[in-house]
Structure formats: structure tokens, C-alpha cells
Amino acid sequence: MIRERSRTYYVDNVKVKVINERVQYINEEGKLITESLKDYTKKRVNQNYASLDEFLQKWNAAERKDAIIEELLEQGVLLDELQQEVGKDFDPFDLICHVAFDMKPLTRRERAMNVKKRNYFTKYGEKARAVLEALLDKYADEGIENIESMEVLKLHPFDQYGSLIEIVKLFGGKQKYLEALKELKQQIYTSA
């Protein structure tokens, strides 16, 4: 029988081990605490966000969602392990809302389908619409962090629409592209 080794992390200079679905750490009084990964995550998130509204405000105000994700990781939220336990198809946003605030999570694919149902793309030209749909598909497959950089436009399938500069021109320039991306991200999280 092959046994997977437990992973060890350091959160605020405190050793934390993920063992199956449990987390062990030493609290401020020096006592060993063992709790479920979900309970541990809920405590870590609630230390910084007292309510769902507070979390939503921070998430929606963030220009780049990966900054919030990085902040959660620095606060000791073990997103990769949480995805293993709750589901790989959930975005960090849904994992946090589900575990810390008892909200029903949506998969990335469900979020993408909701955007498509709202006919959000109709205000753009045909090629710009195709780029936004490809970004939405990339989000559904890989997550929000993978669409926030303009570098993604150099990769497949975006390369079929032209170079990065040509794609940005489809939207009327860099600023207009960034505005379209920002609106796309807002649309993704509208059902929250």
C-alpha cells in the first residue's frame, strides 16, 4: 500500500500539517489543535472577513482577483487542499463562499454558462465576441487567475484572432480591452 506523506506549511510562522482532511497547528497558548480542513478554513477566512458582504465587497472591488487569492494563501487558507476536498471544478471564490459562509457553490462551468445565457457579448463585434467567449471558456477550464493577464492573448486559441496588438485593437485599444475584461469578470461573479 502506498501512503501519501502529509504536507507541511507554515502560516504566521506556525507549522501546519494537512493530514487527510484534518489540519494540525499549535495555537497561541501552545496547545495542539486538530480540526477539519473546512473548520480551519472557515476560522482563517472569518478572521479577516466577518461577513459574506465584507468578503463580496473586497472581491468585487479587487482589480485583479489573483491578488485576493494570494492574500488568502498568505493568511493560511489552503486552497489546493480545499479544492481536493470540496471539488476541483470550483473557483476559489466559490470555495470560500461555500466553506466560510455556507453558500451553495457554482462550478466555473456553471458560472460561464450563466454569463452566456445573459447575452452579455452582443454589444461587441463578432471577433471581439469570439475573444470574450474564448476567455470565458478558459475561465471555465482553468480559473480566473488564467485570464487576468494580457499574456493569455498570446496563447492558443487566442492566437487564431491575431497578435496581442491585433486582438486589443478589436476592442478599440488596450484600455477598452481592459474594461471589457473587467466587465467580463463582473459578469462571472454577478450571480453571487
C-alpha atoms as a PDB file:
ATOM      1  CA  MET A   1       0.000   0.000   0.000  1.00  0.00           C
ATOM      2  CA  ILE A   2       1.368   3.408  -0.988  1.00  0.00           C
ATOM      3  CA  ARG A   3       0.875   6.065   1.625  1.00  0.00           C
ATOM      4  CA  GLU A   4       0.922   9.739   0.731  1.00  0.00           C
ATOM      5  CA  ARG A   5       3.050  11.870   3.028  1.00  0.00           C
ATOM      6  CA  SER A   6       1.349  14.715   4.805  1.00  0.00           C
ATOM      7  CA  ARG A   7       2.229  18.183   3.553  1.00  0.00           C
ATOM      8  CA  THR A   8       3.598  20.769   5.948  1.00  0.00           C
ATOM      9  CA  TYR A   9       3.063  24.531   5.610  1.00  0.00           C
ATOM     10  CA  TYR A  10       3.999  27.494   7.738  1.00  0.00           C
ATOM     11  CA  VAL A  11       1.300  30.069   8.458  1.00  0.00           C
ATOM     12  CA  ASP A  12       2.326  33.077  10.529  1.00  0.00           C
ATOM     13  CA  ASN A  13       5.464  31.099  11.492  1.00  0.00           C
ATOM     14  CA  VAL A  14       3.303  28.271  12.861  1.00  0.00           C
ATOM     15  CA  LYS A  15       3.748  24.772  11.471  1.00  0.00           C
ATOM     16  CA  VAL A  16       0.521  23.464   9.852  1.00  0.00           C
ATOM     17  CA  LYS A  17       0.103  19.918   8.518  1.00  0.00           C
ATOM     18  CA  VAL A  18      -2.677  18.680   6.269  1.00  0.00           C
ATOM     19  CA  ILE A  19      -3.366  15.083   7.246  1.00  0.00           C
ATOM     20  CA  ASN A  20      -6.200  13.563   5.272  1.00  0.00           C
ATOM     21  CA  GLU A  21      -8.951  16.097   5.885  1.00  0.00           C
ATOM     22  CA  ARG A  22      -7.551  17.423   9.120  1.00  0.00           C
ATOM     23  CA  VAL A  23      -5.238  20.293   9.965  1.00  0.00           C
ATOM     24  CA  GLN A  24      -2.967  20.378  12.993  1.00  0.00           C
ATOM     25  CA  TYR A  25      -1.395  23.507  14.408  1.00  0.00           C
ATOM     26  CA  ILE A  26      -0.203  24.962  17.685  1.00  0.00           C
ATOM     27  CA  ASN A  27      -2.429  27.808  18.916  1.00  0.00           C
ATOM     28  CA  GLU A  28      -1.340  30.936  20.795  1.00  0.00           C
ATOM     29  CA  GLU A  29      -1.396  29.070  24.140  1.00  0.00           C
ATOM     30  CA  GLY A  30       0.886  26.337  22.796  1.00  0.00           C
ATOM     31  CA  LYS A  31      -1.926  23.773  22.590  1.00  0.00           C
ATOM     32  CA  LEU A  32      -2.077  21.330  19.647  1.00  0.00           C
ATOM     33  CA  ILE A  33      -5.284  21.883  17.691  1.00  0.00           C
ATOM     34  CA  THR A  34      -6.648  19.295  15.265  1.00  0.00           C
ATOM     35  CA  GLU A  35      -9.691  20.228  13.197  1.00  0.00           C
ATOM     36  CA  SER A  36     -11.241  19.586   9.834  1.00  0.00           C
ATOM     37  CA  LEU A  37      -9.875  21.464   6.848  1.00  0.00           C
ATOM     38  CA  LYS A  38     -13.255  23.140   6.390  1.00  0.00           C
ATOM     39  CA  ASP A  39     -13.396  24.358  10.015  1.00  0.00           C
ATOM     40  CA  TYR A  40      -9.799  25.560   9.788  1.00  0.00           C
ATOM     41  CA  THR A  41     -10.560  27.437   6.552  1.00  0.00           C
ATOM     42  CA  LYS A  42     -13.700  28.995   7.983  1.00  0.00           C
ATOM     43  CA  LYS A  43     -11.767  30.290  11.013  1.00  0.00           C
ATOM     44  CA  ARG A  44      -8.945  31.707   8.855  1.00  0.00           C
ATOM     45  CA  VAL A  45     -11.361  33.472   6.499  1.00  0.00           C
ATOM     46  CA  ASN A  46     -13.579  34.796   9.292  1.00  0.00           C
ATOM     47  CA  GLN A  47     -10.546  36.367  10.984  1.00  0.00           C
ATOM     48  CA  ASN A  48     -10.347  38.766   8.031  1.00  0.00           C
ATOM     49  CA  TYR A  49     -13.922  38.830   6.719  1.00  0.00           C
ATOM     50  CA  ALA A  50     -16.600  38.924   9.380  1.00  0.00           C
ATOM     51  CA  SER A  51     -19.432  38.514   6.892  1.00  0.00           C
ATOM     52  CA  LEU A  52     -20.203  37.387   3.372  1.00  0.00           C
ATOM     53  CA  ASP A  53     -20.952  41.017   2.447  1.00  0.00           C
ATOM     54  CA  GLU A  54     -17.494  42.083   3.599  1.00  0.00           C
ATOM     55  CA  PHE A  55     -15.864  39.344   1.518  1.00  0.00           C
ATOM     56  CA  LEU A  56     -18.019  40.170  -1.527  1.00  0.00           C
ATOM     57  CA  GLN A  57     -17.153  43.861  -1.302  1.00  0.00           C
ATOM     58  CA  LYS A  58     -13.436  43.080  -1.202  1.00  0.00           C
ATOM     59  CA  TRP A  59     -13.717  40.534  -4.042  1.00  0.00           C
ATOM     60  CA  ASN A  60     -15.787  42.808  -6.270  1.00  0.00           C
ATOM     61  CA  ALA A  61     -13.582  45.843  -5.610  1.00  0.00           C
ATOM     62  CA  ALA A  62     -10.365  43.985  -6.466  1.00  0.00           C
ATOM     63  CA  GLU A  63      -8.984  44.887  -9.868  1.00  0.00           C
ATOM     64  CA  ARG A  64      -7.237  41.513 -10.004  1.00  0.00           C
ATOM     65  CA  LYS A  65      -8.833  38.513  -8.326  1.00  0.00           C
ATOM     66  CA  ASP A  66      -5.478  36.754  -8.084  1.00  0.00           C
ATOM     67  CA  ALA A  67      -4.434  39.414  -5.528  1.00  0.00           C
ATOM     68  CA  ILE A  68      -7.283  38.290  -3.239  1.00  0.00           C
ATOM     69  CA  ILE A  69      -6.361  34.649  -3.840  1.00  0.00           C
ATOM     70  CA  GLU A  70      -2.728  35.389  -2.934  1.00  0.00           C
ATOM     71  CA  GLU A  71      -3.880  37.226   0.196  1.00  0.00           C
ATOM     72  CA  LEU A  72      -5.973  34.216   1.241  1.00  0.00           C
ATOM     73  CA  LEU A  73      -2.974  31.927   0.756  1.00  0.00           C
ATOM     74  CA  GLU A  74      -0.797  34.231   2.873  1.00  0.00           C
ATOM     75  CA  GLN A  75      -3.471  34.125   5.600  1.00  0.00           C
ATOM     76  CA  GLY A  76      -3.159  30.352   5.738  1.00  0.00           C
ATOM     77  CA  VAL A  77      -6.126  29.324   3.602  1.00  0.00           C
ATOM     78  CA  LEU A  78      -5.073  26.080   1.917  1.00  0.00           C
ATOM     79  CA  LEU A  79      -6.969  26.458  -1.368  1.00  0.00           C
ATOM     80  CA  ASP A  80      -5.396  23.483  -3.187  1.00  0.00           C
ATOM     81  CA  GLU A  81      -6.282  21.109  -0.362  1.00  0.00           C
ATOM     82  CA  LEU A  82      -9.742  22.644  -0.095  1.00  0.00           C
ATOM     83  CA  GLN A  83     -10.267  22.029  -3.812  1.00  0.00           C
ATOM     84  CA  GLN A  84      -9.249  18.404  -3.286  1.00  0.00           C
ATOM     85  CA  GLU A  85     -11.865  18.052  -0.564  1.00  0.00           C
ATOM     86  CA  VAL A  86     -14.741  20.178  -1.897  1.00  0.00           C
ATOM     87  CA  GLY A  87     -14.228  19.939  -5.645  1.00  0.00           C
ATOM     88  CA  LYS A  88     -11.690  20.818  -8.312  1.00  0.00           C
ATOM     89  CA  ASP A  89     -14.295  22.477 -10.542  1.00  0.00           C
ATOM     90  CA  PHE A  90     -14.911  25.273  -8.053  1.00  0.00           C
ATOM     91  CA  ASP A  91     -13.189  28.600  -8.265  1.00  0.00           C
ATOM     92  CA  PRO A  92     -11.501  29.952  -5.079  1.00  0.00           C
ATOM     93  CA  PHE A  93     -14.362  32.443  -4.755  1.00  0.00           C
ATOM     94  CA  ASP A  94     -16.949  29.656  -4.547  1.00  0.00           C
ATOM     95  CA  LEU A  95     -14.792  27.564  -2.224  1.00  0.00           C
ATOM     96  CA  ILE A  96     -14.545  30.455   0.238  1.00  0.00           C
ATOM     97  CA  CYS A  97     -18.221  31.419  -0.023  1.00  0.00           C
ATOM     98  CA  HIS A  98     -19.251  27.786   0.463  1.00  0.00           C
ATOM     99  CA  VAL A  99     -16.928  26.830   3.317  1.00  0.00           C
ATOM    100  CA  ALA A 100     -16.781  30.115   5.248  1.00  0.00           C
ATOM    101  CA  PHE A 101     -20.281  31.473   4.607  1.00  0.00           C
ATOM    102  CA  ASP A 102     -22.388  28.356   3.825  1.00  0.00           C
ATOM    103  CA  MET A 103     -23.318  29.477   0.298  1.00  0.00           C
ATOM    104  CA  LYS A 104     -24.138  26.978  -2.428  1.00  0.00           C
ATOM    105  CA  PRO A 105     -21.099  26.874  -4.727  1.00  0.00           C
ATOM    106  CA  LEU A 106     -21.271  27.103  -8.510  1.00  0.00           C
ATOM    107  CA  THR A 107     -18.700  25.392 -10.697  1.00  0.00           C
ATOM    108  CA  ARG A 108     -16.653  27.525 -13.064  1.00  0.00           C
ATOM    109  CA  ARG A 109     -18.577  25.952 -15.948  1.00  0.00           C
ATOM    110  CA  GLU A 110     -21.931  26.905 -14.352  1.00  0.00           C
ATOM    111  CA  ARG A 111     -20.717  30.486 -13.918  1.00  0.00           C
ATOM    112  CA  ALA A 112     -19.579  30.597 -17.543  1.00  0.00           C
ATOM    113  CA  MET A 113     -22.937  29.241 -18.749  1.00  0.00           C
ATOM    114  CA  ASN A 114     -24.773  31.894 -16.708  1.00  0.00           C
ATOM    115  CA  VAL A 115     -22.785  34.625 -18.470  1.00  0.00           C
ATOM    116  CA  LYS A 116     -23.564  33.119 -21.877  1.00  0.00           C
ATOM    117  CA  LYS A 117     -27.288  32.915 -21.042  1.00  0.00           C
ATOM    118  CA  ARG A 118     -27.375  36.649 -20.249  1.00  0.00           C
ATOM    119  CA  ASN A 119     -26.262  37.525 -23.815  1.00  0.00           C
ATOM    120  CA  TYR A 120     -23.592  39.776 -22.402  1.00  0.00           C
ATOM    121  CA  PHE A 121     -21.461  39.591 -25.580  1.00  0.00           C
ATOM    122  CA  THR A 122     -23.966  41.159 -28.014  1.00  0.00           C
ATOM    123  CA  LYS A 123     -22.566  44.683 -27.663  1.00  0.00           C
ATOM    124  CA  TYR A 124     -19.216  43.629 -29.176  1.00  0.00           C
ATOM    125  CA  GLY A 125     -18.254  42.906 -32.755  1.00  0.00           C
ATOM    126  CA  GLU A 126     -18.053  39.324 -33.976  1.00  0.00           C
ATOM    127  CA  LYS A 127     -14.299  38.834 -33.442  1.00  0.00           C
ATOM    128  CA  ALA A 128     -14.238  40.643 -30.081  1.00  0.00           C
ATOM    129  CA  ARG A 129     -17.192  38.476 -29.003  1.00  0.00           C
ATOM    130  CA  ALA A 130     -15.247  35.360 -30.020  1.00  0.00           C
ATOM    131  CA  VAL A 131     -12.259  36.502 -27.910  1.00  0.00           C
ATOM    132  CA  LEU A 132     -14.504  37.103 -24.875  1.00  0.00           C
ATOM    133  CA  GLU A 133     -16.158  33.704 -25.330  1.00  0.00           C
ATOM    134  CA  ALA A 134     -12.706  32.086 -25.528  1.00  0.00           C
ATOM    135  CA  LEU A 135     -11.721  33.916 -22.303  1.00  0.00           C
ATOM    136  CA  LEU A 136     -14.892  32.640 -20.666  1.00  0.00           C
ATOM    137  CA  ASP A 137     -14.122  29.082 -21.810  1.00  0.00           C
ATOM    138  CA  LYS A 138     -10.570  29.419 -20.461  1.00  0.00           C
ATOM    139  CA  TYR A 139     -12.012  30.596 -17.142  1.00  0.00           C
ATOM    140  CA  ALA A 140     -14.364  27.569 -17.079  1.00  0.00           C
ATOM    141  CA  ASP A 141     -11.445  25.208 -17.706  1.00  0.00           C
ATOM    142  CA  GLU A 142      -8.663  26.814 -15.668  1.00  0.00           C
ATOM    143  CA  GLY A 143      -9.939  29.589 -13.390  1.00  0.00           C
ATOM    144  CA  ILE A 144      -9.946  33.360 -13.066  1.00  0.00           C
ATOM    145  CA  GLU A 145      -6.201  33.695 -12.480  1.00  0.00           C
ATOM    146  CA  ASN A 146      -5.516  32.462 -16.009  1.00  0.00           C
ATOM    147  CA  ILE A 147      -7.464  35.170 -17.823  1.00  0.00           C
ATOM    148  CA  GLU A 148      -6.368  38.257 -15.904  1.00  0.00           C
ATOM    149  CA  SER A 149      -3.063  38.748 -17.714  1.00  0.00           C
ATOM    150  CA  MET A 150      -2.941  40.093 -21.266  1.00  0.00           C
ATOM    151  CA  GLU A 151      -0.267  37.458 -21.901  1.00  0.00           C
ATOM    152  CA  VAL A 152      -3.064  34.913 -22.268  1.00  0.00           C
ATOM    153  CA  LEU A 153      -3.862  36.536 -25.617  1.00  0.00           C
ATOM    154  CA  LYS A 154      -0.574  35.169 -26.988  1.00  0.00           C
ATOM    155  CA  LEU A 155      -1.685  31.583 -26.374  1.00  0.00           C
ATOM    156  CA  HIS A 156      -3.971  29.182 -28.191  1.00  0.00           C
ATOM    157  CA  PRO A 157      -6.877  29.645 -29.009  1.00  0.00           C
ATOM    158  CA  PHE A 158      -6.423  33.424 -28.947  1.00  0.00           C
ATOM    159  CA  ASP A 159      -3.609  33.348 -31.488  1.00  0.00           C
ATOM    160  CA  GLN A 160      -6.185  32.492 -34.163  1.00  0.00           C
ATOM    161  CA  TYR A 161      -7.636  36.003 -33.755  1.00  0.00           C
ATOM    162  CA  GLY A 162      -4.286  37.681 -34.414  1.00  0.00           C
ATOM    163  CA  SER A 163      -1.400  39.012 -32.369  1.00  0.00           C
ATOM    164  CA  LEU A 164      -1.892  40.547 -28.947  1.00  0.00           C
ATOM    165  CA  ILE A 165      -1.936  44.020 -30.528  1.00  0.00           C
ATOM    166  CA  GLU A 166      -4.468  42.959 -33.178  1.00  0.00           C
ATOM    167  CA  ILE A 167      -6.745  41.437 -30.546  1.00  0.00           C
ATOM    168  CA  VAL A 168      -6.588  44.557 -28.384  1.00  0.00           C
ATOM    169  CA  LYS A 169      -7.486  46.649 -31.467  1.00  0.00           C
ATOM    170  CA  LEU A 170     -10.678  44.578 -31.852  1.00  0.00           C
ATOM    171  CA  PHE A 171     -11.861  46.271 -28.658  1.00  0.00           C
ATOM    172  CA  GLY A 172     -10.679  49.755 -29.597  1.00  0.00           C
ATOM    173  CA  GLY A 173      -7.357  49.722 -27.758  1.00  0.00           C
ATOM    174  CA  LYS A 174      -5.773  48.452 -24.562  1.00  0.00           C
ATOM    175  CA  GLN A 175      -7.962  50.491 -22.206  1.00  0.00           C
ATOM    176  CA  LYS A 176     -11.162  49.278 -23.896  1.00  0.00           C
ATOM    177  CA  TYR A 177      -9.919  45.674 -23.760  1.00  0.00           C
ATOM    178  CA  LEU A 178      -9.171  46.018 -20.034  1.00  0.00           C
ATOM    179  CA  GLU A 179     -12.644  47.498 -19.491  1.00  0.00           C
ATOM    180  CA  ALA A 180     -14.205  44.566 -21.386  1.00  0.00           C
ATOM    181  CA  LEU A 181     -12.193  42.106 -19.269  1.00  0.00           C
ATOM    182  CA  LYS A 182     -13.250  43.872 -16.076  1.00  0.00           C
ATOM    183  CA  GLU A 183     -16.886  43.707 -17.166  1.00  0.00           C
ATOM    184  CA  LEU A 184     -16.487  40.017 -18.053  1.00  0.00           C
ATOM    185  CA  LYS A 185     -15.179  39.318 -14.532  1.00  0.00           C
ATOM    186  CA  GLN A 186     -18.125  41.227 -13.070  1.00  0.00           C
ATOM    187  CA  GLN A 187     -20.478  39.138 -15.183  1.00  0.00           C
ATOM    188  CA  ILE A 188     -18.821  35.910 -13.999  1.00  0.00           C
ATOM    189  CA  TYR A 189     -19.493  36.787 -10.360  1.00  0.00           C
ATOM    190  CA  THR A 190     -22.884  38.509 -10.822  1.00  0.00           C
ATOM    191  CA  SER A 191     -24.872  35.511  -9.602  1.00  0.00           C
ATOM    192  CA  ALA A 192     -23.013  35.636  -6.292  1.00  0.00           C
END
